[in-house]
Protein backbone atom coordinates (compact mmCIF):
# COMPACT_ATOMS: atom_id res chain seq x y z
CA MET A 1 -1.22 20.10 36.08
CA GLU A 2 -3.47 17.90 37.36
CA GLY A 3 -6.15 19.07 40.13
CA ASN A 4 -4.48 21.40 42.28
CA ARG A 5 -1.42 19.90 41.61
CA ILE A 6 1.29 21.98 39.12
CA TYR A 7 3.91 19.75 37.94
CA ARG A 8 7.29 22.24 36.88
CA LEU A 9 10.15 20.64 34.97
CA THR A 10 13.71 20.45 36.25
CA VAL A 11 16.98 21.47 34.06
CA GLY A 12 17.72 17.63 33.54
CA ASP A 13 13.41 17.34 32.29
CA ARG A 14 14.68 20.77 29.80
CA ILE A 15 18.09 19.55 28.79
CA PHE A 16 16.24 15.66 28.31
CA ASN A 17 13.35 17.42 25.99
CA PHE A 18 15.86 19.69 24.25
CA PHE A 19 17.71 16.39 23.26
CA ASN A 20 14.75 14.19 23.14
CA GLY A 21 13.27 16.96 20.40
CA LEU A 22 16.74 17.30 18.67
CA PHE A 23 17.25 14.00 17.93
CA PHE A 24 13.76 13.11 16.51
CA ALA A 25 13.56 16.36 14.44
CA ALA A 26 17.12 14.58 12.89
CA PHE A 27 15.81 11.29 12.19
CA THR A 28 12.80 13.11 10.74
CA ALA A 29 15.27 14.84 8.24
CA LEU A 30 16.88 11.21 7.55
CA CYS A 31 13.68 10.27 6.53
CA ILE A 32 12.71 12.74 4.60
CA PHE A 33 15.35 13.58 2.93
CA PRO A 34 15.69 10.87 0.01
CA ILE A 35 12.07 11.43 -1.35
CA TYR A 36 13.64 15.09 -1.13
CA TYR A 37 16.34 14.63 -3.03
CA LEU A 38 14.34 12.17 -5.51
CA PHE A 39 12.05 15.31 -5.85
CA ILE A 40 14.66 17.53 -6.52
CA ASN A 41 16.13 15.74 -9.21
CA THR A 42 13.69 14.62 -11.18
CA ILE A 43 12.50 18.82 -11.64
CA SER A 44 16.61 19.93 -12.36
CA GLU A 45 18.43 19.79 -15.46
CA ASN A 46 18.43 16.34 -16.81
CA LYS A 47 22.02 17.20 -17.85
CA LEU A 48 23.04 18.30 -14.30
CA VAL A 49 21.23 15.30 -12.30
CA THR A 50 23.08 12.80 -15.15
CA ALA A 51 26.43 14.58 -13.98
CA GLY A 52 25.38 13.93 -10.20
CA LEU A 53 25.62 17.46 -9.57
CA ILE A 54 21.67 18.54 -7.75
CA ASN A 55 22.44 17.46 -3.84
CA PHE A 56 20.49 19.54 -1.69
CA PHE A 57 18.76 21.95 -4.34
CA PRO A 58 16.86 22.07 -7.34
CA ARG A 59 18.25 23.93 -10.41
CA GLY A 60 17.00 24.67 -14.18
CA VAL A 61 13.57 23.62 -12.39
CA HIS A 62 11.01 22.26 -15.13
CA LEU A 63 8.08 20.01 -15.09
CA LYS A 64 8.89 18.13 -18.26
CA ASN A 65 10.06 15.24 -17.00
CA TYR A 66 6.70 14.20 -16.12
CA VAL A 67 4.63 15.15 -18.86
CA MET A 68 7.45 13.09 -20.62
CA MET A 69 6.60 10.40 -18.61
CA LEU A 70 2.89 10.01 -20.14
CA LYS A 71 4.20 9.58 -23.33
CA VAL A 72 6.22 6.80 -22.37
CA LYS A 73 4.99 3.31 -23.77
CA ASP A 74 2.05 1.71 -21.90
CA MET A 75 2.75 4.19 -18.84
CA GLY A 76 -0.82 5.47 -18.71
CA TYR A 77 -1.98 1.51 -18.70
CA SER A 78 0.84 0.88 -16.15
CA LEU A 79 -0.91 3.91 -13.90
CA LEU A 80 -4.19 2.70 -14.63
CA THR A 81 -3.28 -0.90 -13.66
CA THR A 82 -1.36 -0.18 -10.43
CA THR A 83 -4.64 2.51 -9.59
CA GLY A 84 -7.28 -0.11 -10.12
CA ARG A 85 -5.69 -3.26 -8.48
CA THR A 86 -4.86 -0.80 -5.21
CA VAL A 87 -8.47 0.26 -5.03
CA ILE A 88 -10.66 -2.85 -5.87
CA GLY A 89 -8.05 -5.18 -4.01
CA THR A 90 -8.33 -3.54 -0.72
CA VAL A 91 -12.11 -2.28 -1.17
CA ALA A 92 -12.34 -6.60 -1.44
CA MET A 93 -9.66 -7.56 1.47
CA VAL A 94 -11.75 -5.44 3.62
CA LEU A 95 -14.65 -6.25 3.01
CA ALA A 96 -13.47 -9.91 3.25
CA SER A 97 -11.46 -10.00 6.32
CA ALA A 98 -14.35 -8.03 7.93
CA LEU A 99 -17.53 -10.95 7.28
CA VAL A 100 -14.66 -13.62 7.54
CA GLY A 101 -13.58 -11.82 10.89
CA TYR A 102 -17.57 -11.73 11.84
CA LEU A 103 -18.53 -15.38 11.18
CA VAL A 104 -15.70 -16.86 12.94
CA THR A 105 -16.91 -15.24 16.34
CA GLN A 106 -20.37 -16.98 16.12
CA GLN A 107 -20.83 -19.52 18.18
CA ALA A 108 -23.48 -21.11 15.95
CA MET A 109 -21.53 -21.25 13.22
CA LEU A 110 -20.87 -24.77 11.88
CA GLY A 111 -17.39 -25.76 11.95
CA ARG A 112 -16.20 -22.17 12.55
CA LYS A 113 -13.38 -23.27 15.12
CA ILE A 114 -12.14 -25.44 11.87
CA ILE A 115 -12.45 -23.08 9.28
CA TYR A 116 -10.50 -20.61 11.54
CA ARG A 117 -7.51 -23.11 12.24
CA TYR A 118 -7.81 -23.70 8.41
CA ILE A 119 -7.32 -20.17 7.95
CA VAL A 120 -4.62 -19.80 10.21
CA ILE A 121 -2.45 -23.09 9.40
CA THR A 122 -1.87 -20.79 5.96
CA MET A 123 -0.01 -18.37 6.97
CA TYR A 124 3.12 -21.24 8.26
CA PHE A 125 2.27 -23.76 4.70
CA ASN A 126 2.66 -23.08 1.52
CA ALA A 127 3.28 -25.06 -1.78
CA GLY A 128 5.84 -23.29 -2.99
CA LEU A 129 6.36 -20.91 -6.59
CA LEU A 130 5.85 -23.22 -8.81
CA PRO A 131 2.81 -25.02 -7.78
CA TRP A 132 1.66 -21.83 -7.11
CA TYR A 133 2.26 -20.72 -10.40
CA LEU A 134 0.67 -23.95 -11.83
CA ASN A 135 -2.70 -23.25 -9.84
CA MET A 136 -3.04 -19.83 -11.29
CA SER A 137 -2.26 -20.74 -14.59
CA MET A 138 -5.24 -23.43 -14.64
CA LEU A 139 -7.59 -21.16 -12.80
CA GLY A 140 -6.95 -18.58 -16.00
CA LEU A 141 -5.49 -16.19 -13.85
CA THR A 142 -2.09 -15.82 -15.86
CA ASN A 143 -1.93 -12.19 -18.25
CA ASN A 144 -5.35 -11.52 -16.26
CA PHE A 145 -6.31 -8.66 -13.91
CA TRP A 146 -8.23 -10.29 -11.50
CA GLY A 147 -5.17 -12.47 -10.96
CA TYR A 148 -4.06 -9.34 -8.77
CA ILE A 149 -6.91 -9.34 -6.74
CA ILE A 150 -8.68 -12.75 -5.93
CA PRO A 151 -5.39 -14.25 -4.24
CA ALA A 152 -5.39 -11.35 -2.09
CA ILE A 153 -8.74 -10.93 -1.12
CA VAL A 154 -8.26 -13.59 1.98
CA GLN A 155 -5.51 -12.48 4.20
CA PRO A 156 -5.26 -14.44 7.56
CA PHE A 157 -3.25 -11.68 9.46
CA ASN A 158 -6.05 -9.51 8.80
CA ILE A 159 -8.37 -11.70 9.81
CA ILE A 160 -7.27 -12.35 12.95
CA LEU A 161 -7.04 -8.52 13.60
CA VAL A 162 -10.73 -8.02 12.78
CA LYS A 163 -11.55 -11.43 14.66
CA THR A 164 -10.10 -10.40 17.79
CA TYR A 165 -11.12 -6.70 17.37
CA ILE A 166 -14.67 -7.33 17.61
CA GLU A 167 -14.18 -10.25 20.28
CA SER A 168 -13.55 -6.63 22.59
CA ILE A 169 -16.77 -5.07 21.44
CA PRO A 170 -20.11 -5.84 24.61
CA ARG A 171 -21.72 -8.95 22.83
CA GLU A 172 -24.66 -7.58 24.65
CA LEU A 173 -25.18 -5.01 21.64
CA GLU A 174 -25.11 -7.90 19.36
CA GLU A 175 -27.55 -9.36 21.63
CA SER A 176 -30.38 -6.56 21.90
CA ALA A 177 -30.66 -5.92 18.05
CA PHE A 178 -30.64 -10.25 17.80
CA ILE A 179 -33.63 -9.79 20.06
CA ASP A 180 -35.56 -6.97 18.60
CA GLY A 181 -35.31 -9.52 15.63
CA ALA A 182 -32.13 -8.80 13.70
CA GLY A 183 -30.56 -11.12 11.13
CA TYR A 184 -26.51 -11.74 11.15
CA PHE A 185 -26.17 -10.11 8.20
CA THR A 186 -27.86 -6.71 9.79
CA VAL A 187 -25.96 -7.22 12.83
CA PHE A 188 -23.45 -6.99 10.77
CA ARG A 189 -23.75 -4.35 8.88
CA ARG A 190 -25.36 -2.18 11.06
CA ILE A 191 -23.75 -2.40 14.36
CA ILE A 192 -20.37 -4.83 13.84
CA PHE A 193 -19.11 -2.72 11.01
CA PRO A 194 -19.13 0.72 11.80
CA LEU A 195 -17.50 0.30 15.43
CA CYS A 196 -14.46 -1.96 13.51
CA LYS A 197 -13.92 1.03 11.45
CA PRO A 198 -10.55 1.50 13.39
CA ILE A 199 -9.33 -2.18 12.77
CA LEU A 200 -10.70 -1.87 9.27
CA ALA A 201 -8.28 1.36 8.43
CA THR A 202 -5.89 -0.18 9.67
CA ILE A 203 -5.90 -3.36 7.68
CA ALA A 204 -6.65 -1.23 4.75
CA VAL A 205 -3.29 0.57 5.24
CA PHE A 206 -2.09 -2.69 5.22
CA GLY A 207 -3.50 -4.00 2.25
CA ALA A 208 -3.18 -0.61 -0.19
CA VAL A 209 0.98 -0.65 0.40
CA GLY A 210 1.15 -4.33 -0.36
CA HIS A 211 -1.17 -4.02 -3.80
CA TRP A 212 0.96 -0.69 -4.42
CA ASN A 213 3.83 -2.01 -3.85
CA SER A 214 3.59 -5.46 -5.31
CA PHE A 215 5.54 -6.54 -8.59
CA ILE A 216 6.74 -9.98 -7.94
CA ASP A 217 2.80 -11.49 -9.34
CA SER A 218 3.00 -8.97 -11.75
CA ILE A 219 6.55 -10.21 -13.45
CA ILE A 220 5.78 -14.18 -13.05
CA LEU A 221 2.31 -14.08 -13.94
CA MET A 222 1.76 -10.88 -16.34
CA SER A 223 4.73 -11.62 -18.35
CA ALA A 224 2.85 -12.11 -21.91
CA LYS A 225 0.86 -8.95 -21.22
CA PRO A 226 2.44 -5.09 -21.06
CA THR A 227 -0.73 -3.33 -20.79
CA ILE A 228 -1.42 -4.70 -16.90
CA TYR A 229 2.18 -4.57 -15.41
CA THR A 230 2.09 -2.58 -12.79
CA LEU A 231 4.17 0.73 -12.08
CA GLN A 232 6.90 -1.15 -9.75
CA HIS A 233 7.44 -3.57 -12.39
CA ARG A 234 7.79 -0.79 -14.97
CA LEU A 235 10.21 0.74 -12.71
CA TYR A 236 11.75 -2.82 -11.91
CA ILE A 237 12.13 -2.29 -16.16
CA TYR A 238 13.82 0.67 -16.11
CA LEU A 239 15.95 -0.03 -13.34
CA ASN A 240 17.02 -3.10 -15.33
CA THR A 241 17.73 -1.24 -18.74
CA THR A 242 20.58 0.82 -20.27
CA SER A 243 18.60 2.24 -23.04
CA ASN A 244 17.51 5.88 -22.88
CA LEU A 245 14.16 6.35 -23.20
CA GLY A 246 14.00 6.51 -26.99
CA LYS A 247 13.89 3.12 -26.97
CA ILE A 248 10.58 2.67 -24.56
CA VAL A 249 8.54 5.38 -26.42
CA ASN A 250 6.23 3.47 -28.42
CA SER A 251 7.31 2.99 -31.97
CA GLY A 252 4.46 4.86 -33.45
CA GLY A 253 6.28 8.24 -32.10
CA SER A 254 4.23 10.01 -29.65
CA LEU A 255 7.21 12.31 -28.80
CA SER A 256 7.73 16.22 -31.02
CA ALA A 257 11.30 16.52 -32.22
CA ASP A 258 11.50 18.78 -30.09
CA ASP A 259 11.22 16.08 -27.05
CA ILE A 260 13.26 13.91 -28.89
CA ALA A 261 15.93 15.85 -29.08
CA ASN A 262 15.68 16.07 -25.31
CA LEU A 263 15.45 13.10 -24.22
CA MET A 264 15.89 11.70 -20.73
CA SER A 265 19.04 9.89 -19.70
CA ASN A 266 18.23 6.32 -17.80
CA ARG A 267 19.07 7.91 -14.52
CA VAL A 268 16.63 10.78 -14.84
CA ILE A 269 13.56 8.07 -15.67
CA GLN A 270 14.37 5.57 -12.42
CA LEU A 271 14.13 8.72 -10.44
CA THR A 272 11.11 9.85 -12.14
CA VAL A 273 8.99 6.65 -12.22
CA ALA A 274 9.94 6.18 -8.98
CA MET A 275 8.60 9.58 -7.61
CA VAL A 276 5.56 8.80 -9.09
CA THR A 277 5.21 5.26 -7.58
CA ILE A 278 5.90 6.14 -4.50
CA VAL A 279 4.12 9.53 -3.91
CA PRO A 280 0.67 8.45 -3.85
CA ILE A 281 0.65 6.10 -1.51
CA LEU A 282 2.80 8.14 1.36
CA PHE A 283 -0.86 9.98 1.11
CA VAL A 284 -2.61 6.54 2.44
CA TYR A 285 -1.16 7.38 6.08
CA PRO A 286 -2.31 10.46 7.14
CA PHE A 287 -6.21 9.67 6.45
CA MET A 288 -6.03 6.65 8.02
CA GLN A 289 -3.26 8.04 11.33
CA ARG A 290 -6.31 8.68 13.53
CA TYR A 291 -7.42 4.80 13.09
CA PHE A 292 -4.23 3.26 12.97
CA GLN A 293 -3.10 3.62 16.43
CA LYS A 294 -6.51 2.57 18.45
CA GLY A 295 -7.10 -0.49 15.40
CA ILE A 296 -4.01 -1.97 15.86
CA MET A 297 -3.68 -1.79 19.44
CA MET A 298 -6.86 -3.40 20.11
CA GLY A 299 -6.63 -6.20 17.45
CA ALA A 300 -3.22 -7.55 18.84
CA VAL A 301 -5.50 -7.35 22.80
CA LYS A 302 -6.15 -11.08 23.50
CA GLY A 303 -5.33 -14.25 21.56
């Protein structure tokens, strides 16, 4: 109802809404089912899972697989490494994108256009994999946790989004702060940064998902240090092995006799590690959703 006008749904509108809702309900089910299927296979009887008998409902429910995963060699290190790189890398990237995006909007910054164009051009040109590896090696970032963090701090696409968003903020806010004696850093910290929460939340989602799902850098850079393999790298290893859990357990023997008697098959290992790998990142988006749409729309307006 708008004012005194009342809109009534026609028969055609009701039919359209019904089929529209039905379509999106089916689409949602299709999106959710793979995760549901993965989960029920990780909590069902391992012999039934190996035989492929778990399709829609769990059978012989237990949580032993997740408990045993914690006993797998270096699994705890992988979880800590992935969590650490996701949190530290995302925070560093967001702060860098916000600061650089703000600086390149300031007319007083010397050479700002050249710096901005230099940042943008890196999106289209790179030296390739081998020069990148040699550069990382010379910088001492191979087999080093900071090799995950430092190269990902400056993200040109995110800087563009932040810059565009900041340009949509009325300049009068900054000018009034300058008149009151505030400096650039004070303006950034007290005015610009708080107003940029929508776009910063948006790029935080991009950064967190990218860090959590990344495994190429782990495979290439961390080959000599298994303790800092990421979860995705660990999953990649399990997906490409034909051995059972007994061959990837610490040689010191951290499993009990009962555990060894009930070792999971390679298929169950893959499913359990996959579930552990994908679930945490699924919780990032719901907390950021209220900022996401506004941030990406505002950051995409203008050139």
